[in-house]
Amino acid sequence: MNSIYWLIALAVFLVIEIITLGLTTIWFAGGALIAFLLSLIVDNSILEFVVFIIVSFVLLYFTRPIAQKYFNKQRIKTNYESLIGRDGKVIEKIDNFNNTGQVIVNGQEWTARALIDQEIIETGEKVVIREVSGVKLIVEADVEGM
């Protein structure tokens, strides 16, 4: 009887994987498959569940980094991710203490804060975007571009 439950779990994990296409549940589908095969040999629910957990996490731990490296190679950065590392021009002095600062990047104005709290970046300076926090760019002065 446990075999049916493992087949259902396997199907659910595979359907979720097909819907998301993000390598999220494939590892658990592998664990469910092994638990299903084990359930055909022995009838011990606890052993099957333990094997499911162990196999799933072993697959997750050892194969996910490899899969991410090869499957996400062609992934194109979108939205805010594409801004990190880009240059911008300060159009309003960046001063974290006074909560001021704006940068123009690709023709769009962004609120900006300095990466280092004490740093003040003057209008007209070139900056490099290091992070995006909410709707604010975290920048630092571009010393190479000066």
C-alpha atoms as a PDB file:
ATOM      1  CA  MET A   1       0.000   0.000   0.000  1.00  0.00           C
ATOM      2  CA  ASN A   2       2.894   2.384   0.706  1.00  0.00           C
ATOM      3  CA  SER A   3       3.982   1.983  -2.902  1.00  0.00           C
ATOM      4  CA  ILE A   4       0.930   3.899  -4.106  1.00  0.00           C
ATOM      5  CA  TYR A   5       1.702   6.798  -1.779  1.00  0.00           C
ATOM      6  CA  TRP A   6       5.273   6.995  -3.021  1.00  0.00           C
ATOM      7  CA  LEU A   7       4.068   6.963  -6.632  1.00  0.00           C
ATOM      8  CA  ILE A   8       1.653   9.800  -5.827  1.00  0.00           C
ATOM      9  CA  ALA A   9       4.447  11.753  -4.116  1.00  0.00           C
ATOM     10  CA  LEU A  10       6.720  11.150  -7.109  1.00  0.00           C
ATOM     11  CA  ALA A  11       4.023  12.406  -9.490  1.00  0.00           C
ATOM     12  CA  VAL A  12       3.337  15.491  -7.367  1.00  0.00           C
ATOM     13  CA  PHE A  13       7.039  16.380  -7.179  1.00  0.00           C
ATOM     14  CA  LEU A  14       7.416  15.923 -10.934  1.00  0.00           C
ATOM     15  CA  VAL A  15       4.345  18.058 -11.702  1.00  0.00           C
ATOM     16  CA  ILE A  16       5.632  20.820  -9.426  1.00  0.00           C
ATOM     17  CA  GLU A  17       9.023  20.615 -11.163  1.00  0.00           C
ATOM     18  CA  ILE A  18       7.419  20.845 -14.584  1.00  0.00           C
ATOM     19  CA  ILE A  19       5.358  23.865 -13.520  1.00  0.00           C
ATOM     20  CA  THR A  20       8.229  25.763 -11.873  1.00  0.00           C
ATOM     21  CA  LEU A  21      11.168  24.731 -14.090  1.00  0.00           C
ATOM     22  CA  GLY A  22      13.498  25.903 -11.359  1.00  0.00           C
ATOM     23  CA  LEU A  23      15.120  22.703 -10.120  1.00  0.00           C
ATOM     24  CA  THR A  24      13.108  22.951  -6.927  1.00  0.00           C
ATOM     25  CA  THR A  25      11.556  19.529  -6.349  1.00  0.00           C
ATOM     26  CA  ILE A  26      13.450  17.207  -8.671  1.00  0.00           C
ATOM     27  CA  TRP A  27      15.652  16.130  -5.758  1.00  0.00           C
ATOM     28  CA  PHE A  28      12.616  15.029  -3.765  1.00  0.00           C
ATOM     29  CA  ALA A  29      11.238  13.202  -6.804  1.00  0.00           C
ATOM     30  CA  GLY A  30      14.475  11.189  -6.794  1.00  0.00           C
ATOM     31  CA  GLY A  31      14.004  10.422  -3.114  1.00  0.00           C
ATOM     32  CA  ALA A  32      10.382   9.395  -3.726  1.00  0.00           C
ATOM     33  CA  LEU A  33      11.479   7.115  -6.565  1.00  0.00           C
ATOM     34  CA  ILE A  34      14.013   5.321  -4.358  1.00  0.00           C
ATOM     35  CA  ALA A  35      11.457   5.087  -1.520  1.00  0.00           C
ATOM     36  CA  PHE A  36       8.960   3.626  -4.008  1.00  0.00           C
ATOM     37  CA  LEU A  37      11.455   0.985  -5.144  1.00  0.00           C
ATOM     38  CA  LEU A  38      12.264   0.182  -1.513  1.00  0.00           C
ATOM     39  CA  SER A  39       8.555  -0.140  -0.707  1.00  0.00           C
ATOM     40  CA  LEU A  40       8.301  -2.912  -3.306  1.00  0.00           C
ATOM     41  CA  ILE A  41      10.934  -4.886  -1.399  1.00  0.00           C
ATOM     42  CA  VAL A  42      10.095  -4.169   2.251  1.00  0.00           C
ATOM     43  CA  ASP A  43       6.952  -2.975   3.988  1.00  0.00           C
ATOM     44  CA  ASN A  44       8.372  -0.592   6.565  1.00  0.00           C
ATOM     45  CA  SER A  45       7.014   2.966   6.386  1.00  0.00           C
ATOM     46  CA  ILE A  46       9.602   4.415   8.755  1.00  0.00           C
ATOM     47  CA  LEU A  47      12.524   2.945   6.801  1.00  0.00           C
ATOM     48  CA  GLU A  48      11.020   4.175   3.519  1.00  0.00           C
ATOM     49  CA  PHE A  49      10.572   7.692   4.903  1.00  0.00           C
ATOM     50  CA  VAL A  50      14.118   7.794   6.305  1.00  0.00           C
ATOM     51  CA  VAL A  51      15.522   6.624   2.953  1.00  0.00           C
ATOM     52  CA  PHE A  52      13.376   9.251   1.166  1.00  0.00           C
ATOM     53  CA  ILE A  53      14.772  12.029   3.382  1.00  0.00           C
ATOM     54  CA  ILE A  54      18.388  10.834   3.126  1.00  0.00           C
ATOM     55  CA  VAL A  55      18.336  10.329  -0.650  1.00  0.00           C
ATOM     56  CA  SER A  56      16.554  13.649  -1.249  1.00  0.00           C
ATOM     57  CA  PHE A  57      19.018  15.649   0.794  1.00  0.00           C
ATOM     58  CA  VAL A  58      22.058  13.832  -0.583  1.00  0.00           C
ATOM     59  CA  LEU A  59      20.853  14.605  -4.115  1.00  0.00           C
ATOM     60  CA  LEU A  60      20.093  18.187  -3.123  1.00  0.00           C
ATOM     61  CA  TYR A  61      23.450  18.734  -1.456  1.00  0.00           C
ATOM     62  CA  PHE A  62      25.710  17.117  -4.043  1.00  0.00           C
ATOM     63  CA  THR A  63      23.989  17.655  -7.373  1.00  0.00           C
ATOM     64  CA  ARG A  64      22.191  20.999  -7.038  1.00  0.00           C
ATOM     65  CA  PRO A  65      25.362  23.142  -7.268  1.00  0.00           C
ATOM     66  CA  ILE A  66      26.433  21.239 -10.385  1.00  0.00           C
ATOM     67  CA  ALA A  67      23.000  21.513 -11.957  1.00  0.00           C
ATOM     68  CA  GLN A  68      22.758  25.222 -11.168  1.00  0.00           C
ATOM     69  CA  LYS A  69      26.155  25.808 -12.739  1.00  0.00           C
ATOM     70  CA  TYR A  70      25.217  24.149 -16.025  1.00  0.00           C
ATOM     71  CA  PHE A  71      21.476  24.842 -16.307  1.00  0.00           C
ATOM     72  CA  ASN A  72      21.571  28.521 -15.346  1.00  0.00           C
ATOM     73  CA  LYS A  73      24.487  29.384 -17.593  1.00  0.00           C
ATOM     74  CA  GLN A  74      22.377  31.220 -20.145  1.00  0.00           C
ATOM     75  CA  ARG A  75      20.233  32.959 -17.539  1.00  0.00           C
ATOM     76  CA  ILE A  76      19.879  36.619 -18.407  1.00  0.00           C
ATOM     77  CA  LYS A  77      19.886  39.070 -15.550  1.00  0.00           C
ATOM     78  CA  THR A  78      16.765  41.168 -15.553  1.00  0.00           C
ATOM     79  CA  ASN A  79      15.424  44.213 -13.801  1.00  0.00           C
ATOM     80  CA  TYR A  80      17.490  45.284 -10.834  1.00  0.00           C
ATOM     81  CA  GLU A  81      20.069  42.479 -11.183  1.00  0.00           C
ATOM     82  CA  SER A  82      21.263  43.994 -14.445  1.00  0.00           C
ATOM     83  CA  LEU A  83      22.140  47.256 -12.671  1.00  0.00           C
ATOM     84  CA  ILE A  84      24.739  45.769 -10.327  1.00  0.00           C
ATOM     85  CA  GLY A  85      28.226  46.658 -11.532  1.00  0.00           C
ATOM     86  CA  ARG A  86      27.011  49.393 -13.865  1.00  0.00           C
ATOM     87  CA  ASP A  87      28.058  53.015 -13.775  1.00  0.00           C
ATOM     88  CA  GLY A  88      25.846  55.944 -12.934  1.00  0.00           C
ATOM     89  CA  LYS A  89      26.110  59.701 -12.587  1.00  0.00           C
ATOM     90  CA  VAL A  90      25.225  61.499  -9.352  1.00  0.00           C
ATOM     91  CA  ILE A  91      22.559  64.165  -9.953  1.00  0.00           C
ATOM     92  CA  GLU A  92      21.974  64.947  -6.260  1.00  0.00           C
ATOM     93  CA  LYS A  93      24.694  64.761  -3.596  1.00  0.00           C
ATOM     94  CA  ILE A  94      24.705  61.370  -1.870  1.00  0.00           C
ATOM     95  CA  ASP A  95      24.790  61.774   1.904  1.00  0.00           C
ATOM     96  CA  ASN A  96      23.496  58.856   3.990  1.00  0.00           C
ATOM     97  CA  PHE A  97      23.317  60.924   7.176  1.00  0.00           C
ATOM     98  CA  ASN A  98      20.933  63.434   5.563  1.00  0.00           C
ATOM     99  CA  ASN A  99      19.118  60.792   3.483  1.00  0.00           C
ATOM    100  CA  THR A 100      19.848  62.499   0.195  1.00  0.00           C
ATOM    101  CA  GLY A 101      21.129  61.273  -3.108  1.00  0.00           C
ATOM    102  CA  GLN A 102      20.025  60.504  -6.619  1.00  0.00           C
ATOM    103  CA  VAL A 103      21.771  58.806  -9.496  1.00  0.00           C
ATOM    104  CA  ILE A 104      20.883  58.566 -13.145  1.00  0.00           C
ATOM    105  CA  VAL A 105      21.413  55.170 -14.780  1.00  0.00           C
ATOM    106  CA  ASN A 106      20.333  54.378 -18.337  1.00  0.00           C
ATOM    107  CA  GLY A 107      18.245  57.533 -18.400  1.00  0.00           C
ATOM    108  CA  GLN A 108      16.347  56.622 -15.227  1.00  0.00           C
ATOM    109  CA  GLU A 109      16.606  58.421 -11.907  1.00  0.00           C
ATOM    110  CA  TRP A 110      17.166  56.301  -8.828  1.00  0.00           C
ATOM    111  CA  THR A 111      17.408  57.124  -5.155  1.00  0.00           C
ATOM    112  CA  ALA A 112      20.918  56.261  -4.057  1.00  0.00           C
ATOM    113  CA  ARG A 113      22.859  55.712  -0.861  1.00  0.00           C
ATOM    114  CA  ALA A 114      26.590  55.310  -0.360  1.00  0.00           C
ATOM    115  CA  LEU A 115      27.996  51.862   0.348  1.00  0.00           C
ATOM    116  CA  ILE A 116      30.102  53.372   3.139  1.00  0.00           C
ATOM    117  CA  ASP A 117      27.923  55.425   5.512  1.00  0.00           C
ATOM    118  CA  GLN A 118      30.465  58.197   6.085  1.00  0.00           C
ATOM    119  CA  GLU A 119      31.192  58.693   2.382  1.00  0.00           C
ATOM    120  CA  ILE A 120      29.699  61.753   0.705  1.00  0.00           C
ATOM    121  CA  ILE A 121      29.586  61.673  -3.078  1.00  0.00           C
ATOM    122  CA  GLU A 122      29.207  65.000  -4.826  1.00  0.00           C
ATOM    123  CA  THR A 123      26.962  65.860  -7.769  1.00  0.00           C
ATOM    124  CA  GLY A 124      28.461  65.029 -11.151  1.00  0.00           C
ATOM    125  CA  GLU A 125      30.674  62.208  -9.897  1.00  0.00           C
ATOM    126  CA  LYS A 126      30.670  58.799 -11.496  1.00  0.00           C
ATOM    127  CA  VAL A 127      29.574  55.908  -9.260  1.00  0.00           C
ATOM    128  CA  VAL A 128      29.447  52.133  -9.497  1.00  0.00           C
ATOM    129  CA  ILE A 129      26.312  50.304  -8.368  1.00  0.00           C
ATOM    130  CA  ARG A 130      27.199  47.604  -5.833  1.00  0.00           C
ATOM    131  CA  GLU A 131      23.775  46.539  -4.509  1.00  0.00           C
ATOM    132  CA  VAL A 132      20.081  47.223  -4.808  1.00  0.00           C
ATOM    133  CA  SER A 133      18.147  47.555  -1.566  1.00  0.00           C
ATOM    134  CA  GLY A 134      14.431  47.899  -2.151  1.00  0.00           C
ATOM    135  CA  VAL A 135      14.177  50.807  -4.585  1.00  0.00           C
ATOM    136  CA  LYS A 136      17.524  52.347  -3.634  1.00  0.00           C
ATOM    137  CA  LEU A 137      20.836  51.833  -5.314  1.00  0.00           C
ATOM    138  CA  ILE A 138      23.808  51.287  -3.036  1.00  0.00           C
ATOM    139  CA  VAL A 139      26.772  52.879  -4.767  1.00  0.00           C
ATOM    140  CA  GLU A 140      30.392  53.823  -4.280  1.00  0.00           C
ATOM    141  CA  ALA A 141      32.508  56.414  -6.021  1.00  0.00           C
ATOM    142  CA  ASP A 142      34.225  55.120  -9.150  1.00  0.00           C
ATOM    143  CA  VAL A 143      37.871  55.863  -8.369  1.00  0.00           C
ATOM    144  CA  GLU A 144      39.057  54.217 -11.598  1.00  0.00           C
ATOM    145  CA  GLY A 145      36.772  56.337 -13.756  1.00  0.00           C
ATOM    146  CA  MET A 146      38.005  59.647 -12.352  1.00  0.00           C
END
